[in-house]
Each structure stands twice: as C-alpha cells, then as structure tokens.
C-alpha atoms as a PDB file:
ATOM      1  CA  MET A   1      19.082  20.681  21.207  1.00  0.00           C
ATOM      2  CA  GLU A   2      22.426  19.777  20.621  1.00  0.00           C
ATOM      3  CA  LYS A   3      24.696  22.685  18.242  1.00  0.00           C
ATOM      4  CA  THR A   4      25.450  20.198  15.817  1.00  0.00           C
ATOM      5  CA  TRP A   5      25.040  19.922  11.633  1.00  0.00           C
ATOM      6  CA  ILE A   6      23.115  17.101  11.382  1.00  0.00           C
ATOM      7  CA  ARG A   7      20.610  18.157  13.559  1.00  0.00           C
ATOM      8  CA  PHE A   8      18.382  19.205  10.718  1.00  0.00           C
ATOM      9  CA  LEU A   9      18.062  15.414  10.752  1.00  0.00           C
ATOM     10  CA  LEU A  10      17.167  14.916  14.011  1.00  0.00           C
ATOM     11  CA  PRO A  11      13.551  15.080  15.286  1.00  0.00           C
ATOM     12  CA  GLU A  12      12.858  17.129  18.008  1.00  0.00           C
ATOM     13  CA  ASP A  13      11.418  15.143  20.702  1.00  0.00           C
ATOM     14  CA  GLU A  14      14.613  14.014  23.268  1.00  0.00           C
ATOM     15  CA  TYR A  15      14.190  10.324  23.031  1.00  0.00           C
ATOM     16  CA  LYS A  16      13.820   9.867  19.283  1.00  0.00           C
ATOM     17  CA  ARG A  17      17.269  12.361  18.951  1.00  0.00           C
ATOM     18  CA  ARG A  18      19.315  10.690  20.919  1.00  0.00           C
ATOM     19  CA  THR A  19      18.109   7.136  19.665  1.00  0.00           C
ATOM     20  CA  MET A  20      18.956   8.154  15.619  1.00  0.00           C
ATOM     21  CA  LEU A  21      22.070   9.927  16.860  1.00  0.00           C
ATOM     22  CA  VAL A  22      22.968   5.897  18.091  1.00  0.00           C
ATOM     23  CA  TYR A  23      21.663   4.912  14.576  1.00  0.00           C
ATOM     24  CA  PHE A  24      23.978   7.405  12.530  1.00  0.00           C
ATOM     25  CA  ALA A  25      27.005   6.280  14.597  1.00  0.00           C
ATOM     26  CA  GLU A  26      26.164   2.471  14.441  1.00  0.00           C
ATOM     27  CA  ALA A  27      26.106   3.427  10.666  1.00  0.00           C
ATOM     28  CA  ALA A  28      29.613   5.197  10.882  1.00  0.00           C
ATOM     29  CA  ILE A  29      30.479   2.194  12.399  1.00  0.00           C
ATOM     30  CA  LEU A  30      30.110  -0.322  10.037  1.00  0.00           C
ATOM     31  CA  GLN A  31      30.613   2.031   7.101  1.00  0.00           C
ATOM     32  CA  LEU A  32      34.374   1.917   8.810  1.00  0.00           C
ATOM     33  CA  ILE A  33      34.213  -2.210   8.854  1.00  0.00           C
ATOM     34  CA  ALA A  34      32.952  -2.092   5.120  1.00  0.00           C
ATOM     35  CA  VAL A  35      36.062   0.633   3.978  1.00  0.00           C
ATOM     36  CA  ILE A  36      37.989  -1.604   5.929  1.00  0.00           C
ATOM     37  CA  ALA A  37      37.013  -5.223   4.227  1.00  0.00           C
ATOM     38  CA  LEU A  38      37.158  -3.523   1.270  1.00  0.00           C
ATOM     39  CA  ILE A  39      40.981  -2.474   1.698  1.00  0.00           C
ATOM     40  CA  VAL A  40      41.500  -5.718   2.197  1.00  0.00           C
ATOM     41  CA  ILE A  41      39.551  -7.360  -1.357  1.00  0.00           C
ATOM     42  CA  SER A  42      41.319  -4.328  -3.580  1.00  0.00           C
ATOM     43  CA  ARG A  43      44.336  -5.331  -1.986  1.00  0.00           C
ATOM     44  CA  PHE A  44      44.224  -9.043  -2.870  1.00  0.00           C
ATOM     45  CA  GLU A  45      42.614  -8.229  -5.803  1.00  0.00           C
ATOM     46  CA  LEU A  46      39.909 -11.125  -4.662  1.00  0.00           C
ATOM     47  CA  ILE A  47      36.872  -9.436  -6.618  1.00  0.00           C
ATOM     48  CA  PRO A  48      36.786  -6.595  -9.102  1.00  0.00           C
ATOM     49  CA  LEU A  49      35.483  -3.518  -7.481  1.00  0.00           C
ATOM     50  CA  ASP A  50      34.040  -0.035  -9.680  1.00  0.00           C
ATOM     51  CA  GLY A  51      34.615   2.692  -7.247  1.00  0.00           C
ATOM     52  CA  VAL A  52      31.393   4.811  -7.961  1.00  0.00           C
ATOM     53  CA  ILE A  53      29.448   1.613  -7.434  1.00  0.00           C
ATOM     54  CA  VAL A  54      31.197   0.848  -4.249  1.00  0.00           C
ATOM     55  CA  LEU A  55      30.566   4.016  -2.972  1.00  0.00           C
ATOM     56  CA  MET A  56      27.102   3.775  -4.215  1.00  0.00           C
ATOM     57  CA  LEU A  57      26.465   0.582  -2.101  1.00  0.00           C
ATOM     58  CA  MET A  58      28.090   2.287   0.722  1.00  0.00           C
ATOM     59  CA  MET A  59      25.888   5.485   0.802  1.00  0.00           C
ATOM     60  CA  PHE A  60      22.458   2.942  -0.052  1.00  0.00           C
ATOM     61  CA  GLY A  61      23.712   0.705   2.474  1.00  0.00           C
ATOM     62  CA  THR A  62      24.146   3.765   5.300  1.00  0.00           C
ATOM     63  CA  VAL A  63      20.785   5.439   4.486  1.00  0.00           C
ATOM     64  CA  ALA A  64      19.255   1.857   4.829  1.00  0.00           C
ATOM     65  CA  TYR A  65      20.518   0.700   7.963  1.00  0.00           C
ATOM     66  CA  VAL A  66      19.207   3.957   9.371  1.00  0.00           C
ATOM     67  CA  TRP A  67      16.125   3.934   8.362  1.00  0.00           C
ATOM     68  CA  ILE A  68      15.203   0.128   8.796  1.00  0.00           C
ATOM     69  CA  ARG A  69      16.690   0.592  12.113  1.00  0.00           C
ATOM     70  CA  TYR A  70      13.680   3.519  13.322  1.00  0.00           C
ATOM     71  CA  ILE A  71      10.993   1.452  11.321  1.00  0.00           C
ATOM     72  CA  LEU A  72      12.129  -1.723  13.816  1.00  0.00           C
ATOM     73  CA  SER A  73      12.070   0.949  16.897  1.00  0.00           C
ATOM     74  CA  GLY A  74       8.617   1.139  17.622  1.00  0.00           C
ATOM     75  CA  MET A  75       9.298   5.094  17.950  1.00  0.00           C
ATOM     76  CA  GLU A  76       7.505   6.806  15.521  1.00  0.00           C
ATOM     77  CA  PHE A  77       4.080   6.365  16.254  1.00  0.00           C
ATOM     78  CA  ALA A  78       4.418   7.219  20.054  1.00  0.00           C
ATOM     79  CA  GLU A  79       0.877   8.680  20.449  1.00  0.00           C
ATOM     80  CA  ILE A  80      -0.703   5.208  19.216  1.00  0.00           C
ATOM     81  CA  MET A  81      -1.953   3.367  22.799  1.00  0.00           C
ATOM     82  CA  THR A  82      -5.283   2.115  22.233  1.00  0.00           C
ATOM     83  CA  GLU A  83      -6.829  -0.481  19.401  1.00  0.00           C
ATOM     84  CA  LYS A  84      -8.957   2.584  18.574  1.00  0.00           C
ATOM     85  CA  ALA A  85      -6.027   4.572  17.251  1.00  0.00           C
ATOM     86  CA  TYR A  86      -4.285   1.921  16.097  1.00  0.00           C
ATOM     87  CA  ARG A  87      -7.200   1.420  13.394  1.00  0.00           C
ATOM     88  CA  ARG A  88      -7.709   4.943  12.604  1.00  0.00           C
ATOM     89  CA  GLU A  89      -3.755   5.142  12.333  1.00  0.00           C
ATOM     90  CA  ARG A  90      -3.922   2.121   9.699  1.00  0.00           C
ATOM     91  CA  LYS A  91      -6.682   3.577   7.893  1.00  0.00           C
ATOM     92  CA  LEU A  92      -4.251   6.485   7.529  1.00  0.00           C
ATOM     93  CA  VAL A  93      -1.392   4.775   6.762  1.00  0.00           C
ATOM     94  CA  VAL A  94      -3.283   3.152   3.854  1.00  0.00           C
ATOM     95  CA  VAL A  95      -4.956   6.508   2.606  1.00  0.00           C
ATOM     96  CA  LYS A  96      -1.464   7.984   2.353  1.00  0.00           C
ATOM     97  CA  SER A  97      -0.013   5.313   0.459  1.00  0.00           C
ATOM     98  CA  SER A  98      -3.309   4.999  -2.162  1.00  0.00           C
ATOM     99  CA  THR A  99      -2.654   9.150  -2.579  1.00  0.00           C
ATOM    100  CA  TYR A 100       0.667   8.942  -3.196  1.00  0.00           C
ATOM    101  CA  PHE A 101       0.017   6.031  -5.661  1.00  0.00           C
ATOM    102  CA  LEU A 102      -2.923   8.080  -7.377  1.00  0.00           C
ATOM    103  CA  VAL A 103      -0.588  11.714  -7.487  1.00  0.00           C
ATOM    104  CA  PHE A 104       2.239   9.926  -8.786  1.00  0.00           C
ATOM    105  CA  ASN A 105       1.190   8.061 -11.226  1.00  0.00           C
ATOM    106  CA  GLY A 106      -1.319  10.849 -12.708  1.00  0.00           C
ATOM    107  CA  MET A 107       2.065  13.159 -13.233  1.00  0.00           C
ATOM    108  CA  ILE A 108       3.517  10.360 -14.721  1.00  0.00           C
ATOM    109  CA  SER A 109       0.505   9.798 -16.863  1.00  0.00           C
ATOM    110  CA  LEU A 110       0.301  13.795 -17.481  1.00  0.00           C
ATOM    111  CA  TYR A 111       4.318  14.078 -18.391  1.00  0.00           C
ATOM    112  CA  TYR A 112       3.831  11.056 -20.775  1.00  0.00           C
ATOM    113  CA  LEU A 113       0.936  12.415 -22.425  1.00  0.00           C
ATOM    114  CA  PHE A 114       3.040  16.242 -23.216  1.00  0.00           C
ATOM    115  CA  GLY A 115       6.347  15.677 -22.336  1.00  0.00           C
ATOM    116  CA  PRO A 116       8.820  13.572 -24.081  1.00  0.00           C
ATOM    117  CA  MET A 117       9.694  10.471 -21.950  1.00  0.00           C
ATOM    118  CA  GLU A 118      12.658   8.081 -22.085  1.00  0.00           C
ATOM    119  CA  VAL A 119      11.257   5.071 -20.499  1.00  0.00           C
ATOM    120  CA  SER A 120       7.834   3.632 -21.279  1.00  0.00           C
ATOM    121  CA  LEU A 121       4.658   3.939 -19.163  1.00  0.00           C
ATOM    122  CA  VAL A 122       4.582   0.680 -17.891  1.00  0.00           C
ATOM    123  CA  GLU A 123       7.782   1.050 -16.504  1.00  0.00           C
ATOM    124  CA  GLY A 124       6.703   4.445 -14.821  1.00  0.00           C
ATOM    125  CA  LEU A 125       3.402   3.141 -13.250  1.00  0.00           C
ATOM    126  CA  MET A 126       5.544  -0.014 -11.561  1.00  0.00           C
ATOM    127  CA  VAL A 127       7.867   2.685 -10.324  1.00  0.00           C
ATOM    128  CA  SER A 128       5.185   4.799  -8.684  1.00  0.00           C
ATOM    129  CA  SER A 129       3.539   1.340  -7.032  1.00  0.00           C
ATOM    130  CA  LEU A 130       6.948  -0.100  -6.140  1.00  0.00           C
ATOM    131  CA  GLY A 131       6.963   3.661  -4.199  1.00  0.00           C
ATOM    132  CA  ALA A 132       3.696   2.630  -3.023  1.00  0.00           C
ATOM    133  CA  LEU A 133       3.784  -0.092  -2.020  1.00  0.00           C
ATOM    134  CA  LEU A 134       7.414   0.362  -0.098  1.00  0.00           C
ATOM    135  CA  LEU A 135       5.469   3.305   1.796  1.00  0.00           C
ATOM    136  CA  PHE A 136       3.069   1.647   2.290  1.00  0.00           C
ATOM    137  CA  VAL A 137       4.813  -1.311   3.863  1.00  0.00           C
ATOM    138  CA  THR A 138       7.031   0.355   5.596  1.00  0.00           C
ATOM    139  CA  ASN A 139       4.829   2.733   7.875  1.00  0.00           C
ATOM    140  CA  PHE A 140       2.549   0.029   8.522  1.00  0.00           C
ATOM    141  CA  ILE A 141       5.839  -2.246  10.127  1.00  0.00           C
ATOM    142  CA  SER A 142       6.633   0.910  12.248  1.00  0.00           C
ATOM    143  CA  LEU A 143       2.492   1.251  13.088  1.00  0.00           C
ATOM    144  CA  ARG A 144       2.559  -1.837  14.395  1.00  0.00           C
ATOM    145  CA  ARG A 145       6.193  -2.175  15.908  1.00  0.00           C
ATOM    146  CA  SER A 146       4.874   1.153  17.772  1.00  0.00           C
ATOM    147  CA  TYR A 147       1.753  -0.039  18.682  1.00  0.00           C
ATOM    148  CA  GLN A 148       2.954  -3.513  20.152  1.00  0.00           C
ATOM    149  CA  LYS A 149       6.064  -1.378  22.193  1.00  0.00           C
ATOM    150  CA  ASN A 150       3.469   1.381  23.814  1.00  0.00           C
ATOM    151  CA  ARG A 151       1.392  -1.599  24.438  1.00  0.00           C
ATOM    152  CA  GLU A 152       3.847  -3.154  26.614  1.00  0.00           C
ATOM    153  CA  LEU A 153       4.654   0.164  28.329  1.00  0.00           C
ATOM    154  CA  ILE A 154       1.352   0.504  29.362  1.00  0.00           C
ATOM    155  CA  ASP A 155       1.294  -3.594  30.892  1.00  0.00           C
END
C-alpha cells in the first residue's frame, strides 16, 4: 500500500484503491474550481454568502461526489457474477436496511422514553426512515451496477 496519510480511507484491493484515489483527486479539482468561483462571486458581491454555510456545502459536496462516484462505479460487489448471487445479495441489502431501520427506531424510542429529547419522536423516526431508505437505495444501486458490470466482463 502507498505511504499516505489517507490510507485508512482506502480499501485494500489495489483496483479499488487506485480508483478511489482518482475520485478523491477529481473531488479536489472540483473543490478548487468551486473556490475560484466563490472568490469571483464574493469579489463582485453577486450573491451574499455566509462563510460557514459555504464551507459546509463544500465539505458535503466533496464527500457526496466521492460517495456517488463509488456507488455508480459498480466496483463494490466484485464477487456478484451469477443471478443466484445477485438475488442473495439483494435479500441481504433488504435485511441490512430493515435491521438499521429497526435498531435506529428502537434506540430513538428508548431515548425518547427515558431521556430528554429536543425534537419530537416523529422527527426522530423520520430521520431513521430516511437513513434506512438512503442505505437501501445506495446499496441497491451499487449492487445492480456491480452485477451489470460483472456480467459484461464475463460476456
């Protein structure tokens, strides 16, 4: 493995590691372009900008870019080659998402019952529902893309 301080973010598989480094580099270049655009916007005062919000959006955008590229790359489920393996993994995706949903809802409900909550129970349950849905959608898309890519490599 390369001697880099971001190695804890990189997978062990060499192909995945190199691809992830490309995604990080692309995100850094897009972030540089965004910074230049923000300097121009702030210089001419075209749009009033709050520095904290801009930094948070840039951070979110960078992480989202790398995450979306990884999901759409089809490299997460490299071992899914057959229809049977695809169906089995699809069931696991549903089980993982459902388990996340149940555990998160259970923890929020317990915390709501025994501890002070600043937000309503419904809001907490909505957050867990959105998290479970996001987990399911991203894993499902990644699984489907991986299966399609692996099938193309076989054919």
